mmCIF file of all heavy atoms, coordinates in Angstrom:
data_MODEL
# 
_entry.id   MODEL 
# 
loop_
_atom_site.group_PDB 
_atom_site.id 
_atom_site.type_symbol 
_atom_site.label_atom_id 
_atom_site.label_alt_id 
_atom_site.label_comp_id 
_atom_site.label_asym_id 
_atom_site.label_entity_id 
_atom_site.label_seq_id 
_atom_site.pdbx_PDB_ins_code 
_atom_site.Cartn_x 
_atom_site.Cartn_y 
_atom_site.Cartn_z 
_atom_site.occupancy 
_atom_site.B_iso_or_equiv 
_atom_site.pdbx_formal_charge 
_atom_site.auth_seq_id 
_atom_site.auth_comp_id 
_atom_site.auth_asym_id 
_atom_site.auth_atom_id 
_atom_site.pdbx_PDB_model_num 
ATOM 1   N N   . GLU A 1 1  ? 12.993  -9.207  21.109  1.00 0.00 ? 1  GLU A N   1 
ATOM 2   C CA  . GLU A 1 1  ? 12.573  -8.012  21.854  1.00 0.00 ? 1  GLU A CA  1 
ATOM 3   C C   . GLU A 1 1  ? 11.330  -7.360  21.191  1.00 0.00 ? 1  GLU A C   1 
ATOM 4   O O   . GLU A 1 1  ? 10.345  -6.970  21.792  1.00 0.00 ? 1  GLU A O   1 
ATOM 5   C CB  . GLU A 1 1  ? 13.641  -7.025  21.930  1.00 0.00 ? 1  GLU A CB  1 
ATOM 6   C CG  . GLU A 1 1  ? 13.514  -6.020  23.039  1.00 0.00 ? 1  GLU A CG  1 
ATOM 7   C CD  . GLU A 1 1  ? 14.780  -5.308  23.194  1.00 0.00 ? 1  GLU A CD  1 
ATOM 8   O OE1 . GLU A 1 1  ? 15.586  -5.696  24.037  1.00 0.00 ? 1  GLU A OE1 1 
ATOM 9   O OE2 . GLU A 1 1  ? 15.085  -4.241  22.567  1.00 0.00 ? 1  GLU A OE2 1 
ATOM 10  N N   . GLY A 1 2  ? 11.402  -7.109  19.809  1.00 0.00 ? 2  GLY A N   1 
ATOM 11  C CA  . GLY A 1 2  ? 10.247  -6.357  19.185  1.00 0.00 ? 2  GLY A CA  1 
ATOM 12  C C   . GLY A 1 2  ? 9.306   -7.258  18.392  1.00 0.00 ? 2  GLY A C   1 
ATOM 13  O O   . GLY A 1 2  ? 8.656   -6.816  17.596  1.00 0.00 ? 2  GLY A O   1 
ATOM 14  N N   . PHE A 1 3  ? 9.243   -8.569  18.739  1.00 0.00 ? 3  PHE A N   1 
ATOM 15  C CA  . PHE A 1 3  ? 8.419   -9.477  17.901  1.00 0.00 ? 3  PHE A CA  1 
ATOM 16  C C   . PHE A 1 3  ? 6.914   -9.168  17.994  1.00 0.00 ? 3  PHE A C   1 
ATOM 17  O O   . PHE A 1 3  ? 6.310   -8.965  17.059  1.00 0.00 ? 3  PHE A O   1 
ATOM 18  C CB  . PHE A 1 3  ? 8.726   -10.907 18.349  1.00 0.00 ? 3  PHE A CB  1 
ATOM 19  C CG  . PHE A 1 3  ? 7.971   -12.009 17.583  1.00 0.00 ? 3  PHE A CG  1 
ATOM 20  C CD1 . PHE A 1 3  ? 8.305   -12.296 16.262  1.00 0.00 ? 3  PHE A CD1 1 
ATOM 21  C CD2 . PHE A 1 3  ? 6.776   -12.591 18.151  1.00 0.00 ? 3  PHE A CD2 1 
ATOM 22  C CE1 . PHE A 1 3  ? 7.542   -13.205 15.593  1.00 0.00 ? 3  PHE A CE1 1 
ATOM 23  C CE2 . PHE A 1 3  ? 6.073   -13.446 17.408  1.00 0.00 ? 3  PHE A CE2 1 
ATOM 24  C CZ  . PHE A 1 3  ? 6.530   -13.821 16.177  1.00 0.00 ? 3  PHE A CZ  1 
ATOM 25  N N   . TRP A 1 4  ? 6.440   -9.064  19.225  1.00 0.00 ? 4  TRP A N   1 
ATOM 26  C CA  . TRP A 1 4  ? 4.981   -8.900  19.429  1.00 0.00 ? 4  TRP A CA  1 
ATOM 27  C C   . TRP A 1 4  ? 4.561   -7.490  19.032  1.00 0.00 ? 4  TRP A C   1 
ATOM 28  O O   . TRP A 1 4  ? 3.373   -7.266  18.642  1.00 0.00 ? 4  TRP A O   1 
ATOM 29  C CB  . TRP A 1 4  ? 4.640   -9.225  20.810  1.00 0.00 ? 4  TRP A CB  1 
ATOM 30  C CG  . TRP A 1 4  ? 4.835   -10.634 21.212  1.00 0.00 ? 4  TRP A CG  1 
ATOM 31  C CD1 . TRP A 1 4  ? 5.910   -11.124 22.052  1.00 0.00 ? 4  TRP A CD1 1 
ATOM 32  C CD2 . TRP A 1 4  ? 4.154   -11.743 20.699  1.00 0.00 ? 4  TRP A CD2 1 
ATOM 33  N NE1 . TRP A 1 4  ? 5.779   -12.466 22.048  1.00 0.00 ? 4  TRP A NE1 1 
ATOM 34  C CE2 . TRP A 1 4  ? 4.722   -12.901 21.266  1.00 0.00 ? 4  TRP A CE2 1 
ATOM 35  C CE3 . TRP A 1 4  ? 3.066   -11.906 19.843  1.00 0.00 ? 4  TRP A CE3 1 
ATOM 36  C CZ2 . TRP A 1 4  ? 4.304   -14.205 20.996  1.00 0.00 ? 4  TRP A CZ2 1 
ATOM 37  C CZ3 . TRP A 1 4  ? 2.652   -13.245 19.607  1.00 0.00 ? 4  TRP A CZ3 1 
ATOM 38  C CH2 . TRP A 1 4  ? 3.201   -14.345 20.169  1.00 0.00 ? 4  TRP A CH2 1 
ATOM 39  N N   . LYS A 1 5  ? 5.405   -6.554  19.020  1.00 0.00 ? 5  LYS A N   1 
ATOM 40  C CA  . LYS A 1 5  ? 5.088   -5.247  18.587  1.00 0.00 ? 5  LYS A CA  1 
ATOM 41  C C   . LYS A 1 5  ? 4.787   -5.120  17.132  1.00 0.00 ? 5  LYS A C   1 
ATOM 42  O O   . LYS A 1 5  ? 3.855   -4.374  16.708  1.00 0.00 ? 5  LYS A O   1 
ATOM 43  C CB  . LYS A 1 5  ? 6.218   -4.269  18.977  1.00 0.00 ? 5  LYS A CB  1 
ATOM 44  C CG  . LYS A 1 5  ? 5.992   -2.762  18.693  1.00 0.00 ? 5  LYS A CG  1 
ATOM 45  C CD  . LYS A 1 5  ? 7.048   -1.895  19.243  1.00 0.00 ? 5  LYS A CD  1 
ATOM 46  C CE  . LYS A 1 5  ? 8.316   -2.179  18.347  1.00 0.00 ? 5  LYS A CE  1 
ATOM 47  N NZ  . LYS A 1 5  ? 9.429   -1.263  18.616  1.00 0.00 ? 5  LYS A NZ  1 
ATOM 48  N N   . HIS A 1 6  ? 5.492   -5.894  16.353  1.00 0.00 ? 6  HIS A N   1 
ATOM 49  C CA  . HIS A 1 6  ? 5.302   -5.851  14.908  1.00 0.00 ? 6  HIS A CA  1 
ATOM 50  C C   . HIS A 1 6  ? 4.315   -6.901  14.341  1.00 0.00 ? 6  HIS A C   1 
ATOM 51  O O   . HIS A 1 6  ? 4.085   -7.095  13.173  1.00 0.00 ? 6  HIS A O   1 
ATOM 52  C CB  . HIS A 1 6  ? 6.568   -5.996  14.203  1.00 0.00 ? 6  HIS A CB  1 
ATOM 53  C CG  . HIS A 1 6  ? 7.598   -4.909  14.565  1.00 0.00 ? 6  HIS A CG  1 
ATOM 54  N ND1 . HIS A 1 6  ? 7.407   -3.603  14.177  1.00 0.00 ? 6  HIS A ND1 1 
ATOM 55  C CD2 . HIS A 1 6  ? 8.752   -4.950  15.243  1.00 0.00 ? 6  HIS A CD2 1 
ATOM 56  C CE1 . HIS A 1 6  ? 8.364   -2.839  14.616  1.00 0.00 ? 6  HIS A CE1 1 
ATOM 57  N NE2 . HIS A 1 6  ? 9.228   -3.641  15.279  1.00 0.00 ? 6  HIS A NE2 1 
ATOM 58  N N   . LEU A 1 7  ? 3.717   -7.726  15.238  1.00 0.00 ? 7  LEU A N   1 
ATOM 59  C CA  . LEU A 1 7  ? 2.892   -8.887  14.834  1.00 0.00 ? 7  LEU A CA  1 
ATOM 60  C C   . LEU A 1 7  ? 1.643   -8.403  14.117  1.00 0.00 ? 7  LEU A C   1 
ATOM 61  O O   . LEU A 1 7  ? 1.259   -8.994  13.105  1.00 0.00 ? 7  LEU A O   1 
ATOM 62  C CB  . LEU A 1 7  ? 2.580   -9.729  16.017  1.00 0.00 ? 7  LEU A CB  1 
ATOM 63  C CG  . LEU A 1 7  ? 1.847   -10.988 15.671  1.00 0.00 ? 7  LEU A CG  1 
ATOM 64  C CD1 . LEU A 1 7  ? 2.690   -11.916 14.823  1.00 0.00 ? 7  LEU A CD1 1 
ATOM 65  C CD2 . LEU A 1 7  ? 1.401   -11.702 16.969  1.00 0.00 ? 7  LEU A CD2 1 
ATOM 66  N N   . PRO A 1 8  ? 0.889   -7.341  14.481  1.00 0.00 ? 8  PRO A N   1 
ATOM 67  C CA  . PRO A 1 8  ? -0.275  -6.904  13.749  1.00 0.00 ? 8  PRO A CA  1 
ATOM 68  C C   . PRO A 1 8  ? 0.070   -6.513  12.336  1.00 0.00 ? 8  PRO A C   1 
ATOM 69  O O   . PRO A 1 8  ? -0.694  -6.930  11.423  1.00 0.00 ? 8  PRO A O   1 
ATOM 70  C CB  . PRO A 1 8  ? -0.874  -5.860  14.553  1.00 0.00 ? 8  PRO A CB  1 
ATOM 71  C CG  . PRO A 1 8  ? -0.340  -5.972  15.926  1.00 0.00 ? 8  PRO A CG  1 
ATOM 72  C CD  . PRO A 1 8  ? 0.992   -6.617  15.821  1.00 0.00 ? 8  PRO A CD  1 
ATOM 73  N N   . MET A 1 9  ? 1.072   -5.790  12.103  1.00 0.00 ? 9  MET A N   1 
ATOM 74  C CA  . MET A 1 9  ? 1.488   -5.278  10.769  1.00 0.00 ? 9  MET A CA  1 
ATOM 75  C C   . MET A 1 9  ? 1.931   -6.543  9.922   1.00 0.00 ? 9  MET A C   1 
ATOM 76  O O   . MET A 1 9  ? 1.604   -6.613  8.787   1.00 0.00 ? 9  MET A O   1 
ATOM 77  C CB  . MET A 1 9  ? 2.495   -4.286  10.824  1.00 0.00 ? 9  MET A CB  1 
ATOM 78  C CG  . MET A 1 9  ? 2.911   -3.794  9.507   1.00 0.00 ? 9  MET A CG  1 
ATOM 79  S SD  . MET A 1 9  ? 1.628   -2.988  8.572   1.00 0.00 ? 9  MET A SD  1 
ATOM 80  C CE  . MET A 1 9  ? 1.561   -1.401  9.183   1.00 0.00 ? 9  MET A CE  1 
ATOM 81  N N   . ALA A 1 10 ? 2.652   -7.411  10.555  1.00 0.00 ? 10 ALA A N   1 
ATOM 82  C CA  . ALA A 1 10 ? 3.164   -8.615  9.772   1.00 0.00 ? 10 ALA A CA  1 
ATOM 83  C C   . ALA A 1 10 ? 1.963   -9.512  9.486   1.00 0.00 ? 10 ALA A C   1 
ATOM 84  O O   . ALA A 1 10 ? 1.860   -10.060 8.298   1.00 0.00 ? 10 ALA A O   1 
ATOM 85  C CB  . ALA A 1 10 ? 4.177   -9.367  10.646  1.00 0.00 ? 10 ALA A CB  1 
ATOM 86  N N   . GLY A 1 11 ? 0.972   -9.594  10.411  1.00 0.00 ? 11 GLY A N   1 
ATOM 87  C CA  . GLY A 1 11 ? -0.240  -10.383 10.007  1.00 0.00 ? 11 GLY A CA  1 
ATOM 88  C C   . GLY A 1 11 ? -1.065  -9.790  8.951   1.00 0.00 ? 11 GLY A C   1 
ATOM 89  O O   . GLY A 1 11 ? -1.579  -10.473 7.997   1.00 0.00 ? 11 GLY A O   1 
ATOM 90  N N   . LEU A 1 12 ? -1.117  -8.460  8.888   1.00 0.00 ? 12 LEU A N   1 
ATOM 91  C CA  . LEU A 1 12 ? -1.839  -7.796  7.814   1.00 0.00 ? 12 LEU A CA  1 
ATOM 92  C C   . LEU A 1 12 ? -1.155  -7.972  6.459   1.00 0.00 ? 12 LEU A C   1 
ATOM 93  O O   . LEU A 1 12 ? -1.817  -8.281  5.417   1.00 0.00 ? 12 LEU A O   1 
ATOM 94  C CB  . LEU A 1 12 ? -2.021  -6.273  8.203   1.00 0.00 ? 12 LEU A CB  1 
ATOM 95  C CG  . LEU A 1 12 ? -2.694  -5.469  7.107   1.00 0.00 ? 12 LEU A CG  1 
ATOM 96  C CD1 . LEU A 1 12 ? -4.102  -5.849  6.980   1.00 0.00 ? 12 LEU A CD1 1 
ATOM 97  C CD2 . LEU A 1 12 ? -2.540  -3.921  7.400   1.00 0.00 ? 12 LEU A CD2 1 
ATOM 98  N N   . VAL A 1 13 ? 0.201   -7.805  6.522   1.00 0.00 ? 13 VAL A N   1 
ATOM 99  C CA  . VAL A 1 13 ? 0.986   -8.016  5.212   1.00 0.00 ? 13 VAL A CA  1 
ATOM 100 C C   . VAL A 1 13 ? 0.834   -9.441  4.784   1.00 0.00 ? 13 VAL A C   1 
ATOM 101 O O   . VAL A 1 13 ? 0.662   -9.727  3.600   1.00 0.00 ? 13 VAL A O   1 
ATOM 102 C CB  . VAL A 1 13 ? 2.429   -7.558  5.347   1.00 0.00 ? 13 VAL A CB  1 
ATOM 103 C CG1 . VAL A 1 13 ? 3.270   -7.965  4.198   1.00 0.00 ? 13 VAL A CG1 1 
ATOM 104 C CG2 . VAL A 1 13 ? 2.440   -6.077  5.573   1.00 0.00 ? 13 VAL A CG2 1 
ATOM 105 N N   . GLY A 1 14 ? 0.916   -10.402 5.694   1.00 0.00 ? 14 GLY A N   1 
ATOM 106 C CA  . GLY A 1 14 ? 0.790   -11.734 5.295   1.00 0.00 ? 14 GLY A CA  1 
ATOM 107 C C   . GLY A 1 14 ? -0.578  -12.105 4.768   1.00 0.00 ? 14 GLY A C   1 
ATOM 108 O O   . GLY A 1 14 ? -0.724  -12.890 3.761   1.00 0.00 ? 14 GLY A O   1 
ATOM 109 N N   . ALA A 1 15 ? -1.615  -11.550 5.336   1.00 0.00 ? 15 ALA A N   1 
ATOM 110 C CA  . ALA A 1 15 ? -3.004  -11.798 4.816   1.00 0.00 ? 15 ALA A CA  1 
ATOM 111 C C   . ALA A 1 15 ? -3.216  -11.215 3.497   1.00 0.00 ? 15 ALA A C   1 
ATOM 112 O O   . ALA A 1 15 ? -3.770  -11.750 2.622   1.00 0.00 ? 15 ALA A O   1 
ATOM 113 C CB  . ALA A 1 15 ? -4.039  -11.222 5.864   1.00 0.00 ? 15 ALA A CB  1 
ATOM 114 N N   . MET A 1 16 ? -2.555  -9.985  3.236   1.00 0.00 ? 16 MET A N   1 
ATOM 115 C CA  . MET A 1 16 ? -2.611  -9.471  1.895   1.00 0.00 ? 16 MET A CA  1 
ATOM 116 C C   . MET A 1 16 ? -1.963  -10.236 0.857   1.00 0.00 ? 16 MET A C   1 
ATOM 117 O O   . MET A 1 16 ? -2.489  -10.452 -0.284  1.00 0.00 ? 16 MET A O   1 
ATOM 118 C CB  . MET A 1 16 ? -2.052  -8.039  1.978   1.00 0.00 ? 16 MET A CB  1 
ATOM 119 C CG  . MET A 1 16 ? -3.059  -7.060  2.649   1.00 0.00 ? 16 MET A CG  1 
ATOM 120 S SD  . MET A 1 16 ? -2.357  -5.390  2.854   1.00 0.00 ? 16 MET A SD  1 
ATOM 121 C CE  . MET A 1 16 ? -1.388  -5.041  1.431   1.00 0.00 ? 16 MET A CE  1 
ATOM 122 N N   . MET A 1 17 ? -0.770  -10.809 1.263   1.00 0.00 ? 17 MET A N   1 
ATOM 123 C CA  . MET A 1 17 ? -0.085  -11.714 0.294   1.00 0.00 ? 17 MET A CA  1 
ATOM 124 C C   . MET A 1 17 ? -0.836  -13.017 -0.024  1.00 0.00 ? 17 MET A C   1 
ATOM 125 O O   . MET A 1 17 ? -0.843  -13.383 -1.170  1.00 0.00 ? 17 MET A O   1 
ATOM 126 C CB  . MET A 1 17 ? 1.369   -12.033 0.855   1.00 0.00 ? 17 MET A CB  1 
ATOM 127 C CG  . MET A 1 17 ? 2.285   -10.800 0.839   1.00 0.00 ? 17 MET A CG  1 
ATOM 128 S SD  . MET A 1 17 ? 3.766   -11.238 1.647   1.00 0.00 ? 17 MET A SD  1 
ATOM 129 C CE  . MET A 1 17 ? 4.520   -12.500 0.607   1.00 0.00 ? 17 MET A CE  1 
ATOM 130 N N   . VAL A 1 18 ? -1.476  -13.533 0.959   1.00 0.00 ? 18 VAL A N   1 
ATOM 131 C CA  . VAL A 1 18 ? -2.234  -14.743 0.774   1.00 0.00 ? 18 VAL A CA  1 
ATOM 132 C C   . VAL A 1 18 ? -3.396  -14.483 -0.172  1.00 0.00 ? 18 VAL A C   1 
ATOM 133 O O   . VAL A 1 18 ? -3.776  -15.251 -1.062  1.00 0.00 ? 18 VAL A O   1 
ATOM 134 C CB  . VAL A 1 18 ? -2.718  -15.359 2.117   1.00 0.00 ? 18 VAL A CB  1 
ATOM 135 C CG1 . VAL A 1 18 ? -3.752  -16.392 1.991   1.00 0.00 ? 18 VAL A CG1 1 
ATOM 136 C CG2 . VAL A 1 18 ? -1.526  -15.976 2.779   1.00 0.00 ? 18 VAL A CG2 1 
ATOM 137 N N   . ALA A 1 19 ? -4.050  -13.306 0.095   1.00 0.00 ? 19 ALA A N   1 
ATOM 138 C CA  . ALA A 1 19 ? -5.257  -12.896 -0.756  1.00 0.00 ? 19 ALA A CA  1 
ATOM 139 C C   . ALA A 1 19 ? -4.779  -12.676 -2.164  1.00 0.00 ? 19 ALA A C   1 
ATOM 140 O O   . ALA A 1 19 ? -5.502  -13.053 -3.114  1.00 0.00 ? 19 ALA A O   1 
ATOM 141 C CB  . ALA A 1 19 ? -5.882  -11.657 -0.179  1.00 0.00 ? 19 ALA A CB  1 
ATOM 142 N N   . GLU A 1 20 ? -3.645  -12.032 -2.395  1.00 0.00 ? 20 GLU A N   1 
ATOM 143 C CA  . GLU A 1 20 ? -3.135  -11.838 -3.731  1.00 0.00 ? 20 GLU A CA  1 
ATOM 144 C C   . GLU A 1 20 ? -2.898  -13.146 -4.469  1.00 0.00 ? 20 GLU A C   1 
ATOM 145 O O   . GLU A 1 20 ? -3.197  -13.272 -5.590  1.00 0.00 ? 20 GLU A O   1 
ATOM 146 C CB  . GLU A 1 20 ? -1.870  -10.909 -3.718  1.00 0.00 ? 20 GLU A CB  1 
ATOM 147 C CG  . GLU A 1 20 ? -2.080  -9.492  -3.523  1.00 0.00 ? 20 GLU A CG  1 
ATOM 148 C CD  . GLU A 1 20 ? -0.789  -8.766  -3.657  1.00 0.00 ? 20 GLU A CD  1 
ATOM 149 O OE1 . GLU A 1 20 ? 0.035   -9.075  -4.476  1.00 0.00 ? 20 GLU A OE1 1 
ATOM 150 O OE2 . GLU A 1 20 ? -0.580  -7.777  -2.864  1.00 0.00 ? 20 GLU A OE2 1 
ATOM 151 N N   . MET A 1 21 ? -2.197  -14.030 -3.753  1.00 0.00 ? 21 MET A N   1 
ATOM 152 C CA  . MET A 1 21 ? -1.783  -15.367 -4.355  1.00 0.00 ? 21 MET A CA  1 
ATOM 153 C C   . MET A 1 21 ? -3.143  -16.111 -4.689  1.00 0.00 ? 21 MET A C   1 
ATOM 154 O O   . MET A 1 21 ? -3.207  -16.731 -5.740  1.00 0.00 ? 21 MET A O   1 
ATOM 155 C CB  . MET A 1 21 ? -0.909  -16.164 -3.399  1.00 0.00 ? 21 MET A CB  1 
ATOM 156 C CG  . MET A 1 21 ? 0.533   -15.663 -3.422  1.00 0.00 ? 21 MET A CG  1 
ATOM 157 S SD  . MET A 1 21 ? 1.644   -16.634 -2.566  1.00 0.00 ? 21 MET A SD  1 
ATOM 158 C CE  . MET A 1 21 ? 1.375   -16.176 -0.870  1.00 0.00 ? 21 MET A CE  1 
ATOM 159 N N   . ALA A 1 22 ? -4.134  -16.124 -3.827  1.00 0.00 ? 22 ALA A N   1 
ATOM 160 C CA  . ALA A 1 22 ? -5.335  -16.817 -4.045  1.00 0.00 ? 22 ALA A CA  1 
ATOM 161 C C   . ALA A 1 22 ? -6.103  -16.169 -5.240  1.00 0.00 ? 22 ALA A C   1 
ATOM 162 O O   . ALA A 1 22 ? -6.644  -16.902 -6.142  1.00 0.00 ? 22 ALA A O   1 
ATOM 163 C CB  . ALA A 1 22 ? -6.190  -16.774 -2.769  1.00 0.00 ? 22 ALA A CB  1 
ATOM 164 N N   . GLY A 1 23 ? -6.087  -14.852 -5.306  1.00 0.00 ? 23 GLY A N   1 
ATOM 165 C CA  . GLY A 1 23 ? -6.707  -14.190 -6.393  1.00 0.00 ? 23 GLY A CA  1 
ATOM 166 C C   . GLY A 1 23 ? -6.013  -14.442 -7.775  1.00 0.00 ? 23 GLY A C   1 
ATOM 167 O O   . GLY A 1 23 ? -6.649  -14.721 -8.834  1.00 0.00 ? 23 GLY A O   1 
ATOM 168 N N   . LEU A 1 24 ? -4.717  -14.498 -7.790  1.00 0.00 ? 24 LEU A N   1 
ATOM 169 C CA  . LEU A 1 24 ? -3.971  -14.826 -9.010  1.00 0.00 ? 24 LEU A CA  1 
ATOM 170 C C   . LEU A 1 24 ? -4.230  -16.262 -9.386  1.00 0.00 ? 24 LEU A C   1 
ATOM 171 O O   . LEU A 1 24 ? -4.421  -16.608 -10.571 1.00 0.00 ? 24 LEU A O   1 
ATOM 172 C CB  . LEU A 1 24 ? -2.500  -14.593 -8.808  1.00 0.00 ? 24 LEU A CB  1 
ATOM 173 C CG  . LEU A 1 24 ? -2.077  -13.158 -8.844  1.00 0.00 ? 24 LEU A CG  1 
ATOM 174 C CD1 . LEU A 1 24 ? -0.572  -13.076 -8.505  1.00 0.00 ? 24 LEU A CD1 1 
ATOM 175 C CD2 . LEU A 1 24 ? -2.209  -12.587 -10.196 1.00 0.00 ? 24 LEU A CD2 1 
ATOM 176 N N   . LEU A 1 25 ? -4.258  -17.127 -8.443  1.00 0.00 ? 25 LEU A N   1 
ATOM 177 C CA  . LEU A 1 25 ? -4.497  -18.574 -8.735  1.00 0.00 ? 25 LEU A CA  1 
ATOM 178 C C   . LEU A 1 25 ? -5.934  -18.766 -9.214  1.00 0.00 ? 25 LEU A C   1 
ATOM 179 O O   . LEU A 1 25 ? -6.102  -19.539 -10.177 1.00 0.00 ? 25 LEU A O   1 
ATOM 180 C CB  . LEU A 1 25 ? -4.205  -19.417 -7.422  1.00 0.00 ? 25 LEU A CB  1 
ATOM 181 C CG  . LEU A 1 25 ? -4.228  -20.937 -7.573  1.00 0.00 ? 25 LEU A CG  1 
ATOM 182 C CD1 . LEU A 1 25 ? -3.132  -21.383 -8.490  1.00 0.00 ? 25 LEU A CD1 1 
ATOM 183 C CD2 . LEU A 1 25 ? -4.114  -21.630 -6.273  1.00 0.00 ? 25 LEU A CD2 1 
ATOM 184 N N   . TRP A 1 26 ? -6.853  -18.149 -8.665  1.00 0.00 ? 26 TRP A N   1 
ATOM 185 C CA  . TRP A 1 26 ? -8.316  -18.203 -9.118  1.00 0.00 ? 26 TRP A CA  1 
ATOM 186 C C   . TRP A 1 26 ? -8.393  -17.707 -10.475 1.00 0.00 ? 26 TRP A C   1 
ATOM 187 O O   . TRP A 1 26 ? -9.075  -18.223 -11.341 1.00 0.00 ? 26 TRP A O   1 
ATOM 188 C CB  . TRP A 1 26 ? -9.187  -17.521 -8.132  1.00 0.00 ? 26 TRP A CB  1 
ATOM 189 C CG  . TRP A 1 26 ? -10.623 -17.595 -8.663  1.00 0.00 ? 26 TRP A CG  1 
ATOM 190 C CD1 . TRP A 1 26 ? -11.318 -16.648 -9.167  1.00 0.00 ? 26 TRP A CD1 1 
ATOM 191 C CD2 . TRP A 1 26 ? -11.421 -18.739 -8.563  1.00 0.00 ? 26 TRP A CD2 1 
ATOM 192 N NE1 . TRP A 1 26 ? -12.573 -17.029 -9.433  1.00 0.00 ? 26 TRP A NE1 1 
ATOM 193 C CE2 . TRP A 1 26 ? -12.681 -18.377 -9.061  1.00 0.00 ? 26 TRP A CE2 1 
ATOM 194 C CE3 . TRP A 1 26 ? -11.224 -19.997 -8.075  1.00 0.00 ? 26 TRP A CE3 1 
ATOM 195 C CZ2 . TRP A 1 26 ? -13.724 -19.271 -9.192  1.00 0.00 ? 26 TRP A CZ2 1 
ATOM 196 C CZ3 . TRP A 1 26 ? -12.383 -20.902 -8.150  1.00 0.00 ? 26 TRP A CZ3 1 
ATOM 197 C CH2 . TRP A 1 26 ? -13.580 -20.548 -8.731  1.00 0.00 ? 26 TRP A CH2 1 
ATOM 198 N N   . ARG A 1 27 ? -7.735  -16.477 -10.799 1.00 0.00 ? 27 ARG A N   1 
ATOM 199 C CA  . ARG A 1 27 ? -7.850  -15.824 -12.034 1.00 0.00 ? 27 ARG A CA  1 
ATOM 200 C C   . ARG A 1 27 ? -7.144  -16.681 -13.202 1.00 0.00 ? 27 ARG A C   1 
ATOM 201 O O   . ARG A 1 27 ? -7.586  -16.836 -14.281 1.00 0.00 ? 27 ARG A O   1 
ATOM 202 C CB  . ARG A 1 27 ? -7.185  -14.480 -12.081 1.00 0.00 ? 27 ARG A CB  1 
ATOM 203 C CG  . ARG A 1 27 ? -7.574  -13.655 -13.260 1.00 0.00 ? 27 ARG A CG  1 
ATOM 204 C CD  . ARG A 1 27 ? -6.912  -12.300 -13.169 1.00 0.00 ? 27 ARG A CD  1 
ATOM 205 N NE  . ARG A 1 27 ? -5.874  -12.335 -14.260 1.00 0.00 ? 27 ARG A NE  1 
ATOM 206 C CZ  . ARG A 1 27 ? -4.798  -11.643 -14.094 1.00 0.00 ? 27 ARG A CZ  1 
ATOM 207 N NH1 . ARG A 1 27 ? -4.455  -10.851 -13.140 1.00 0.00 ? 27 ARG A NH1 1 
ATOM 208 N NH2 . ARG A 1 27 ? -3.868  -11.693 -15.147 1.00 0.00 ? 27 ARG A NH2 1 
ATOM 209 N N   . THR A 1 28 ? -6.091  -17.331 -12.838 1.00 0.00 ? 28 THR A N   1 
ATOM 210 C CA  . THR A 1 28 ? -5.376  -18.150 -13.827 1.00 0.00 ? 28 THR A CA  1 
ATOM 211 C C   . THR A 1 28 ? -6.111  -19.427 -14.122 1.00 0.00 ? 28 THR A C   1 
ATOM 212 O O   . THR A 1 28 ? -6.218  -19.815 -15.275 1.00 0.00 ? 28 THR A O   1 
ATOM 213 C CB  . THR A 1 28 ? -3.995  -18.472 -13.222 1.00 0.00 ? 28 THR A CB  1 
ATOM 214 O OG1 . THR A 1 28 ? -3.280  -17.304 -12.903 1.00 0.00 ? 28 THR A OG1 1 
ATOM 215 C CG2 . THR A 1 28 ? -3.127  -19.255 -14.265 1.00 0.00 ? 28 THR A CG2 1 
ATOM 216 N N   . THR A 1 29 ? -6.634  -20.077 -13.168 1.00 0.00 ? 29 THR A N   1 
ATOM 217 C CA  . THR A 1 29 ? -7.270  -21.390 -13.324 1.00 0.00 ? 29 THR A CA  1 
ATOM 218 C C   . THR A 1 29 ? -8.739  -21.298 -13.553 1.00 0.00 ? 29 THR A C   1 
ATOM 219 O O   . THR A 1 29 ? -9.375  -22.237 -14.023 1.00 0.00 ? 29 THR A O   1 
ATOM 220 C CB  . THR A 1 29 ? -6.976  -22.314 -12.197 1.00 0.00 ? 29 THR A CB  1 
ATOM 221 O OG1 . THR A 1 29 ? -7.579  -21.683 -10.971 1.00 0.00 ? 29 THR A OG1 1 
ATOM 222 C CG2 . THR A 1 29 ? -5.428  -22.533 -11.982 1.00 0.00 ? 29 THR A CG2 1 
ATOM 223 N N   . ARG A 1 30 ? -9.419  -20.257 -13.177 1.00 0.00 ? 30 ARG A N   1 
ATOM 224 C CA  . ARG A 1 30 ? -10.837 -20.037 -13.219 1.00 0.00 ? 30 ARG A CA  1 
ATOM 225 C C   . ARG A 1 30 ? -11.584 -21.193 -12.542 1.00 0.00 ? 30 ARG A C   1 
ATOM 226 O O   . ARG A 1 30 ? -12.622 -21.709 -13.018 1.00 0.00 ? 30 ARG A O   1 
ATOM 227 C CB  . ARG A 1 30 ? -11.274 -19.902 -14.646 1.00 0.00 ? 30 ARG A CB  1 
ATOM 228 C CG  . ARG A 1 30 ? -10.771 -18.733 -15.403 1.00 0.00 ? 30 ARG A CG  1 
ATOM 229 C CD  . ARG A 1 30 ? -11.553 -17.543 -15.054 1.00 0.00 ? 30 ARG A CD  1 
ATOM 230 N NE  . ARG A 1 30 ? -11.094 -16.411 -15.892 1.00 0.00 ? 30 ARG A NE  1 
ATOM 231 C CZ  . ARG A 1 30 ? -10.936 -15.185 -15.488 1.00 0.00 ? 30 ARG A CZ  1 
ATOM 232 N NH1 . ARG A 1 30 ? -11.237 -14.832 -14.264 1.00 0.00 ? 30 ARG A NH1 1 
ATOM 233 N NH2 . ARG A 1 30 ? -10.552 -14.224 -16.334 1.00 0.00 ? 30 ARG A NH2 1 
ATOM 234 N N   . GLY A 1 31 ? -10.995 -21.682 -11.425 1.00 0.00 ? 31 GLY A N   1 
ATOM 235 C CA  . GLY A 1 31 ? -11.686 -22.694 -10.702 1.00 0.00 ? 31 GLY A CA  1 
ATOM 236 C C   . GLY A 1 31 ? -11.381 -24.093 -11.262 1.00 0.00 ? 31 GLY A C   1 
ATOM 237 O O   . GLY A 1 31 ? -11.869 -25.130 -10.665 1.00 0.00 ? 31 GLY A O   1 
ATOM 238 N N   . ALA A 1 32 ? -10.689 -24.207 -12.310 1.00 0.00 ? 32 ALA A N   1 
ATOM 239 C CA  . ALA A 1 32 ? -10.342 -25.542 -12.904 1.00 0.00 ? 32 ALA A CA  1 
ATOM 240 C C   . ALA A 1 32 ? -9.272  -26.141 -12.027 1.00 0.00 ? 32 ALA A C   1 
ATOM 241 O O   . ALA A 1 32 ? -8.405  -25.520 -11.447 1.00 0.00 ? 32 ALA A O   1 
ATOM 242 C CB  . ALA A 1 32 ? -9.785  -25.501 -14.345 1.00 0.00 ? 32 ALA A CB  1 
# 
């Protein structure tokens, strides 16, 4: 029932989590 109503906020939170994980991975490995 409320799936599409919460999709923009869920997408924003998911994109933030992906950006955080990518930043941590880049900082840890420095591109190696």
